[in-house]
């Protein structure tokens, strides 16, 4: 019908046009079937009664706020604990000092070994000198 009016706004509506429009409307049975699928007042009240009340929500929000404060406090404590731990730079500095000390210890050990060898050589020479001096004194 709207199509017909758009084409010819001065045209009259006929019974055929009305029948075409009426045939597209829902029947009483279709409307009753659609309404029967809707929830009743009792069903809606039962569903709403299962929902939390404002007081319950306020209480839950309060508990959550307390938990958030506790978690924030724990996070602060963890940050302070971590702040007191050694950093990577600290560990590198310590390892560098240990390496330096170990190198000095190896160097001193090598020097002690060489020093012991020199003492042995000097001891042998001293013994040799004593023998030679004894011979010289014996000849004189």
N, C-alpha and C. Protein backbone atom coordinates (compact mmCIF):
# COMPACT_ATOMS: atom_id res chain seq x y z
N UNK A 1 0.82 -1.17 0.00
CA UNK A 1 0.00 0.00 0.00
C UNK A 1 0.87 1.25 0.00
N UNK A 2 1.92 1.28 0.81
CA UNK A 2 2.81 2.43 0.85
C UNK A 2 3.47 2.61 -0.50
N UNK A 3 3.74 1.48 -1.15
CA UNK A 3 4.36 1.57 -2.47
C UNK A 3 3.41 2.23 -3.47
N UNK A 4 2.14 1.87 -3.33
CA UNK A 4 1.17 2.42 -4.24
C UNK A 4 1.02 3.92 -4.02
N UNK A 5 1.03 4.36 -2.75
CA UNK A 5 0.91 5.78 -2.45
C UNK A 5 2.13 6.55 -2.91
N UNK A 6 3.29 5.91 -2.84
CA UNK A 6 4.51 6.57 -3.31
C UNK A 6 4.44 6.78 -4.81
N UNK A 7 3.87 5.79 -5.50
CA UNK A 7 3.78 5.91 -6.96
C UNK A 7 2.69 6.91 -7.36
N UNK A 8 1.57 6.79 -6.64
CA UNK A 8 0.43 7.66 -6.99
C UNK A 8 -0.17 8.19 -5.70
N UNK A 9 0.28 9.35 -5.23
CA UNK A 9 -0.25 9.86 -3.96
C UNK A 9 -1.73 10.24 -4.02
N UNK A 10 -2.30 10.47 -5.16
CA UNK A 10 -3.70 10.86 -5.27
C UNK A 10 -4.62 9.65 -5.45
N UNK A 11 -4.09 8.40 -5.47
CA UNK A 11 -4.87 7.20 -5.73
C UNK A 11 -5.62 6.80 -4.47
N UNK A 12 -6.71 6.08 -4.66
CA UNK A 12 -7.51 5.58 -3.55
C UNK A 12 -7.02 4.18 -3.20
N UNK A 13 -7.29 3.81 -1.96
CA UNK A 13 -6.91 2.48 -1.50
C UNK A 13 -8.07 1.53 -1.81
N UNK A 14 -7.76 0.38 -2.37
CA UNK A 14 -8.79 -0.58 -2.75
C UNK A 14 -8.84 -1.69 -1.72
N UNK A 15 -9.87 -2.51 -1.82
CA UNK A 15 -9.99 -3.66 -0.91
C UNK A 15 -8.82 -4.63 -1.10
N UNK A 16 -8.35 -4.78 -2.29
CA UNK A 16 -7.21 -5.67 -2.57
C UNK A 16 -5.97 -5.15 -1.86
N UNK A 17 -5.82 -3.83 -1.86
CA UNK A 17 -4.67 -3.24 -1.16
C UNK A 17 -4.77 -3.52 0.33
N UNK A 18 -5.99 -3.35 0.88
CA UNK A 18 -6.19 -3.60 2.31
C UNK A 18 -5.96 -5.07 2.64
N UNK A 19 -6.46 -5.97 1.79
CA UNK A 19 -6.26 -7.40 2.02
C UNK A 19 -4.78 -7.76 2.00
N UNK A 20 -4.02 -7.14 1.14
CA UNK A 20 -2.58 -7.41 1.07
C UNK A 20 -1.90 -6.97 2.36
N UNK A 21 -2.32 -5.83 2.89
CA UNK A 21 -1.72 -5.33 4.13
C UNK A 21 -2.15 -6.19 5.30
N UNK A 22 -3.41 -6.56 5.37
CA UNK A 22 -3.94 -7.36 6.46
C UNK A 22 -3.31 -8.74 6.47
N UNK A 23 -3.02 -9.29 5.31
CA UNK A 23 -2.42 -10.63 5.25
C UNK A 23 -1.01 -10.64 5.85
N UNK A 24 -0.39 -9.50 5.91
CA UNK A 24 0.96 -9.42 6.48
C UNK A 24 0.94 -9.25 8.00
N UNK A 25 -0.21 -8.90 8.57
CA UNK A 25 -0.32 -8.71 10.01
C UNK A 25 -0.38 -10.06 10.72
N UNK A 26 0.06 -10.07 12.01
CA UNK A 26 0.05 -11.30 12.79
C UNK A 26 -1.37 -11.64 13.18
N UNK A 27 -1.65 -12.95 13.28
CA UNK A 27 -2.97 -13.41 13.69
C UNK A 27 -3.03 -13.44 15.21
N UNK A 28 -4.23 -13.61 15.74
CA UNK A 28 -4.43 -13.67 17.19
C UNK A 28 -3.65 -14.86 17.77
N UNK A 29 -3.67 -15.97 17.10
CA UNK A 29 -2.96 -17.18 17.56
C UNK A 29 -1.44 -16.93 17.59
N UNK A 30 -0.93 -16.25 16.56
CA UNK A 30 0.51 -15.95 16.52
C UNK A 30 0.90 -15.01 17.66
N UNK A 31 0.03 -14.02 17.94
CA UNK A 31 0.29 -13.10 19.04
C UNK A 31 0.26 -13.82 20.38
N UNK A 32 -0.72 -14.71 20.57
CA UNK A 32 -0.81 -15.47 21.82
C UNK A 32 0.40 -16.39 21.98
N UNK A 33 0.87 -16.98 20.91
CA UNK A 33 2.06 -17.84 20.97
C UNK A 33 3.29 -17.02 21.36
N UNK A 34 3.40 -15.81 20.81
CA UNK A 34 4.53 -14.95 21.14
C UNK A 34 4.46 -14.50 22.59
N UNK A 35 3.26 -14.16 23.08
CA UNK A 35 3.09 -13.72 24.47
C UNK A 35 3.37 -14.87 25.42
N UNK A 36 2.99 -16.09 25.06
CA UNK A 36 3.22 -17.23 25.96
C UNK A 36 4.71 -17.51 26.16
N UNK A 37 5.54 -17.05 25.25
CA UNK A 37 6.99 -17.26 25.38
C UNK A 37 7.62 -16.24 26.32
N UNK A 38 6.90 -15.16 26.63
CA UNK A 38 7.43 -14.12 27.51
C UNK A 38 7.34 -14.58 28.97
N UNK A 39 8.23 -14.02 29.82
CA UNK A 39 8.25 -14.39 31.23
C UNK A 39 7.06 -13.75 31.94
N UNK A 40 6.56 -14.44 32.97
CA UNK A 40 5.46 -13.91 33.76
C UNK A 40 6.03 -13.02 34.86
N UNK A 41 5.14 -12.31 35.57
CA UNK A 41 5.59 -11.45 36.67
C UNK A 41 6.28 -12.27 37.74
N UNK A 42 5.75 -13.44 38.04
CA UNK A 42 6.33 -14.30 39.07
C UNK A 42 7.74 -14.77 38.66
N UNK A 43 7.87 -15.12 37.39
CA UNK A 43 9.19 -15.55 36.91
C UNK A 43 10.19 -14.40 36.97
N UNK A 44 9.74 -13.20 36.61
CA UNK A 44 10.62 -12.03 36.69
C UNK A 44 11.00 -11.73 38.14
N UNK A 45 10.02 -11.80 39.05
CA UNK A 45 10.31 -11.56 40.48
C UNK A 45 11.29 -12.60 41.01
N UNK A 46 11.12 -13.87 40.62
CA UNK A 46 12.04 -14.93 41.08
C UNK A 46 13.44 -14.67 40.55
N UNK A 47 13.55 -14.23 39.32
CA UNK A 47 14.87 -13.96 38.73
C UNK A 47 15.51 -12.76 39.42
N UNK A 48 14.72 -11.72 39.69
CA UNK A 48 15.24 -10.52 40.34
C UNK A 48 15.64 -10.81 41.78
N UNK A 49 14.90 -11.69 42.45
CA UNK A 49 15.21 -11.99 43.86
C UNK A 49 16.58 -12.67 44.00
N UNK A 50 17.05 -13.30 42.95
CA UNK A 50 18.37 -13.96 43.00
C UNK A 50 19.51 -12.97 42.85
N UNK A 51 19.22 -11.76 42.40
CA UNK A 51 20.25 -10.74 42.21
C UNK A 51 20.65 -10.15 43.56
N UNK A 52 21.88 -9.65 43.63
CA UNK A 52 22.38 -9.06 44.86
C UNK A 52 21.69 -7.73 45.12
N UNK A 53 21.51 -7.44 46.39
CA UNK A 53 20.90 -6.16 46.76
C UNK A 53 21.99 -5.09 46.80
N UNK A 54 21.55 -3.85 46.93
CA UNK A 54 22.50 -2.73 46.98
C UNK A 54 23.40 -2.88 48.21
N UNK A 55 22.83 -3.29 49.33
CA UNK A 55 23.62 -3.47 50.56
C UNK A 55 24.67 -4.56 50.37
N UNK A 56 24.27 -5.65 49.70
CA UNK A 56 25.22 -6.74 49.45
C UNK A 56 26.35 -6.27 48.53
N UNK A 57 26.00 -5.49 47.52
CA UNK A 57 27.02 -4.97 46.60
C UNK A 57 27.95 -4.00 47.34
N UNK A 58 27.38 -3.13 48.18
CA UNK A 58 28.20 -2.19 48.94
C UNK A 58 29.16 -2.94 49.86
N UNK A 59 28.67 -4.00 50.49
CA UNK A 59 29.52 -4.81 51.37
C UNK A 59 30.65 -5.47 50.58
N UNK A 60 30.33 -6.00 49.41
CA UNK A 60 31.35 -6.63 48.57
C UNK A 60 32.39 -5.61 48.12
N UNK A 61 31.92 -4.41 47.76
CA UNK A 61 32.86 -3.36 47.35
C UNK A 61 33.78 -3.00 48.51
N UNK A 62 33.25 -2.93 49.71
CA UNK A 62 34.07 -2.63 50.89
C UNK A 62 35.13 -3.69 51.13
N UNK A 63 34.73 -4.96 51.02
CA UNK A 63 35.70 -6.06 51.20
C UNK A 63 36.78 -6.01 50.13
N UNK A 64 36.37 -5.74 48.89
CA UNK A 64 37.35 -5.64 47.81
C UNK A 64 38.31 -4.48 48.04
N UNK A 65 37.79 -3.36 48.53
CA UNK A 65 38.66 -2.21 48.81
C UNK A 65 39.69 -2.56 49.87
N UNK A 66 39.28 -3.28 50.91
CA UNK A 66 40.23 -3.71 51.95
C UNK A 66 41.29 -4.64 51.38
N UNK A 67 40.88 -5.56 50.54
CA UNK A 67 41.83 -6.48 49.92
C UNK A 67 42.81 -5.73 49.02
N UNK A 68 42.33 -4.73 48.30
CA UNK A 68 43.21 -3.94 47.44
C UNK A 68 44.26 -3.21 48.28
N UNK A 69 43.84 -2.66 49.42
CA UNK A 69 44.78 -1.97 50.31
C UNK A 69 45.83 -2.95 50.83
N UNK A 70 45.39 -4.16 51.21
CA UNK A 70 46.34 -5.17 51.69
C UNK A 70 47.35 -5.55 50.61
N UNK A 71 46.84 -5.75 49.38
CA UNK A 71 47.72 -6.12 48.27
C UNK A 71 48.72 -5.00 47.98
N UNK A 72 48.25 -3.75 48.03
CA UNK A 72 49.15 -2.62 47.80
C UNK A 72 50.24 -2.58 48.86
N UNK A 73 49.88 -2.87 50.11
CA UNK A 73 50.86 -2.91 51.19
C UNK A 73 51.88 -4.02 50.94
N UNK A 74 51.39 -5.19 50.53
CA UNK A 74 52.29 -6.31 50.23
C UNK A 74 53.24 -5.94 49.09
N UNK A 75 52.74 -5.27 48.09
CA UNK A 75 53.57 -4.87 46.95
C UNK A 75 54.65 -3.90 47.42
N UNK A 76 54.28 -2.95 48.30
CA UNK A 76 55.29 -2.01 48.84
C UNK A 76 56.37 -2.78 49.59
N UNK A 77 55.96 -3.76 50.41
CA UNK A 77 56.94 -4.57 51.15
C UNK A 77 57.86 -5.31 50.21
N UNK A 78 57.31 -5.88 49.15
CA UNK A 78 58.12 -6.62 48.17
C UNK A 78 59.11 -5.67 47.49
N UNK A 79 58.64 -4.47 47.14
CA UNK A 79 59.54 -3.51 46.49
C UNK A 79 60.68 -3.13 47.42
N UNK A 80 60.38 -2.96 48.72
CA UNK A 80 61.44 -2.62 49.67
C UNK A 80 62.43 -3.77 49.82
N UNK A 81 61.91 -4.99 49.83
CA UNK A 81 62.79 -6.16 49.94
C UNK A 81 63.68 -6.27 48.71
N UNK A 82 63.09 -6.10 47.56
CA UNK A 82 63.86 -6.19 46.32
C UNK A 82 64.87 -5.05 46.25
N UNK A 83 64.48 -3.89 46.76
CA UNK A 83 65.39 -2.74 46.75
C UNK A 83 66.65 -3.01 47.56
N UNK A 84 66.56 -3.85 48.59
CA UNK A 84 67.72 -4.17 49.43
C UNK A 84 68.59 -5.27 48.85
N UNK A 85 68.14 -5.94 47.83
CA UNK A 85 68.92 -7.02 47.23
C UNK A 85 69.98 -6.45 46.28
N UNK A 86 70.96 -7.26 46.00
CA UNK A 86 72.03 -6.85 45.10
C UNK A 86 71.50 -6.71 43.68
N UNK A 87 72.00 -5.72 43.02
CA UNK A 87 71.63 -5.54 41.62
C UNK A 87 72.66 -6.26 40.75
N UNK A 88 72.41 -6.29 39.49
CA UNK A 88 73.33 -6.93 38.55
C UNK A 88 74.67 -6.20 38.58
N UNK A 89 74.63 -4.87 38.67
CA UNK A 89 75.87 -4.08 38.72
C UNK A 89 76.66 -4.40 39.98
N UNK A 90 75.95 -4.58 41.11
CA UNK A 90 76.63 -4.95 42.36
C UNK A 90 77.33 -6.29 42.22
N UNK A 91 76.63 -7.25 41.63
CA UNK A 91 77.22 -8.58 41.46
C UNK A 91 78.42 -8.54 40.52
N UNK A 92 78.35 -7.73 39.47
CA UNK A 92 79.48 -7.62 38.55
C UNK A 92 80.69 -7.01 39.27
N UNK A 93 80.44 -6.01 40.11
CA UNK A 93 81.52 -5.38 40.87
C UNK A 93 82.17 -6.39 41.82
N UNK A 94 81.35 -7.20 42.49
CA UNK A 94 81.87 -8.22 43.41
C UNK A 94 82.66 -9.27 42.64
N UNK A 95 82.14 -9.72 41.51
CA UNK A 95 82.85 -10.74 40.72
C UNK A 95 84.17 -10.21 40.18
N UNK A 96 84.20 -8.92 39.81
CA UNK A 96 85.45 -8.31 39.34
C UNK A 96 86.48 -8.30 40.46
N UNK A 97 86.05 -7.96 41.68
CA UNK A 97 86.97 -7.95 42.82
C UNK A 97 87.48 -9.36 43.12
N UNK A 98 86.58 -10.35 43.04
CA UNK A 98 87.00 -11.74 43.29
C UNK A 98 88.00 -12.19 42.23
N UNK A 99 87.76 -11.87 40.96
CA UNK A 99 88.69 -12.22 39.89
C UNK A 99 90.05 -11.58 40.12
N UNK A 100 90.05 -10.31 40.51
CA UNK A 100 91.31 -9.61 40.77
C UNK A 100 92.07 -10.29 41.91
N UNK A 101 91.37 -10.62 42.99
CA UNK A 101 92.00 -11.29 44.13
C UNK A 101 92.54 -12.66 43.72
N UNK A 102 91.79 -13.40 42.92
CA UNK A 102 92.24 -14.73 42.48
C UNK A 102 93.49 -14.60 41.61
N UNK A 103 93.53 -13.60 40.73
CA UNK A 103 94.72 -13.39 39.89
C UNK A 103 95.94 -13.05 40.74
N UNK A 104 95.74 -12.22 41.78
CA UNK A 104 96.86 -11.90 42.67
C UNK A 104 97.33 -13.14 43.42
N UNK A 105 96.39 -13.97 43.85
CA UNK A 105 96.76 -15.20 44.57
C UNK A 105 97.58 -16.12 43.67
N UNK A 106 97.19 -16.26 42.42
CA UNK A 106 97.94 -17.09 41.47
C UNK A 106 99.33 -16.49 41.26
N UNK A 107 99.38 -15.18 41.13
CA UNK A 107 100.66 -14.50 40.93
C UNK A 107 101.59 -14.72 42.13
N UNK A 108 101.06 -14.58 43.35
CA UNK A 108 101.87 -14.80 44.55
C UNK A 108 102.30 -16.26 44.66
N UNK A 109 101.45 -17.19 44.25
CA UNK A 109 101.81 -18.60 44.29
C UNK A 109 102.96 -18.88 43.32
N UNK A 110 102.87 -18.28 42.11
CA UNK A 110 103.96 -18.45 41.15
C UNK A 110 105.26 -17.85 41.68
N UNK A 111 105.16 -16.69 42.29
CA UNK A 111 106.36 -16.03 42.85
C UNK A 111 106.95 -16.88 43.97
N UNK A 112 106.12 -17.46 44.82
CA UNK A 112 106.61 -18.31 45.92
C UNK A 112 107.32 -19.53 45.36
N UNK A 113 106.76 -20.11 44.29
CA UNK A 113 107.40 -21.27 43.66
C UNK A 113 108.78 -20.88 43.11
N UNK A 114 108.84 -19.74 42.41
CA UNK A 114 110.12 -19.28 41.87
C UNK A 114 111.10 -18.95 42.99
N UNK A 115 110.61 -18.33 44.05
CA UNK A 115 111.46 -17.98 45.19
C UNK A 115 112.03 -19.24 45.83
N UNK A 116 111.20 -20.28 45.97
CA UNK A 116 111.68 -21.55 46.53
C UNK A 116 112.76 -22.16 45.66
N UNK A 117 112.60 -22.07 44.35
CA UNK A 117 113.60 -22.60 43.42
C UNK A 117 114.92 -21.84 43.57
N UNK A 118 114.84 -20.51 43.67
CA UNK A 118 116.06 -19.69 43.85
C UNK A 118 116.75 -20.04 45.16
N UNK A 119 115.95 -20.23 46.23
CA UNK A 119 116.56 -20.59 47.52
C UNK A 119 117.31 -21.92 47.41
N UNK A 120 116.72 -22.86 46.70
CA UNK A 120 117.38 -24.16 46.51
C UNK A 120 118.69 -23.97 45.74
N UNK A 121 118.67 -23.14 44.70
CA UNK A 121 119.90 -22.89 43.93
C UNK A 121 120.96 -22.23 44.81
N UNK A 122 120.55 -21.25 45.59
CA UNK A 122 121.51 -20.56 46.47
C UNK A 122 122.07 -21.49 47.53
N UNK A 123 121.19 -22.37 48.03
CA UNK A 123 121.65 -23.33 49.03
C UNK A 123 122.71 -24.25 48.42
N UNK A 124 122.48 -24.69 47.20
CA UNK A 124 123.45 -25.56 46.53
C UNK A 124 124.77 -24.82 46.32
N UNK A 125 124.70 -23.55 45.90
CA UNK A 125 125.92 -22.77 45.69
C UNK A 125 126.66 -22.55 47.00
N UNK A 126 125.89 -22.30 48.07
CA UNK A 126 126.51 -22.09 49.39
C UNK A 126 127.25 -23.34 49.83
N UNK A 127 126.62 -24.50 49.62
CA UNK A 127 127.28 -25.76 49.97
C UNK A 127 128.56 -25.92 49.14
N UNK A 128 128.47 -25.57 47.88
CA UNK A 128 129.64 -25.68 47.00
C UNK A 128 130.74 -24.72 47.47
N UNK A 129 130.37 -23.51 47.87
CA UNK A 129 131.37 -22.55 48.37
C UNK A 129 132.01 -23.06 49.65
N UNK A 130 131.20 -23.65 50.53
CA UNK A 130 131.78 -24.16 51.78
C UNK A 130 132.81 -25.26 51.49
N UNK A 131 132.50 -26.12 50.55
CA UNK A 131 133.42 -27.19 50.18
C UNK A 131 134.70 -26.58 49.63
N UNK A 132 134.58 -25.59 48.75
CA UNK A 132 135.76 -24.98 48.15
C UNK A 132 136.58 -24.22 49.20
N UNK A 133 135.89 -23.53 50.13
CA UNK A 133 136.62 -22.82 51.17
C UNK A 133 137.36 -23.81 52.06
N UNK A 134 136.70 -24.93 52.38
CA UNK A 134 137.37 -25.95 53.22
C UNK A 134 138.59 -26.49 52.53
N UNK A 135 138.57 -26.68 51.23
CA UNK A 135 139.71 -27.18 50.49
C UNK A 135 140.83 -26.14 50.49
N UNK A 136 140.43 -24.88 50.28
CA UNK A 136 141.44 -23.80 50.26
C UNK A 136 142.11 -23.67 51.62
N UNK A 137 141.33 -23.77 52.69
CA UNK A 137 141.90 -23.67 54.03
C UNK A 137 142.79 -24.88 54.31
N UNK A 138 142.45 -26.04 53.79
CA UNK A 138 143.23 -27.24 53.97
C UNK A 138 144.58 -27.15 53.24
N UNK A 139 144.68 -26.46 52.16
CA UNK A 139 145.90 -26.30 51.39
C UNK A 139 146.80 -25.27 52.06
N UNK A 140 146.29 -24.39 52.72
CA UNK A 140 147.07 -23.32 53.28
C UNK A 140 147.71 -23.67 54.56
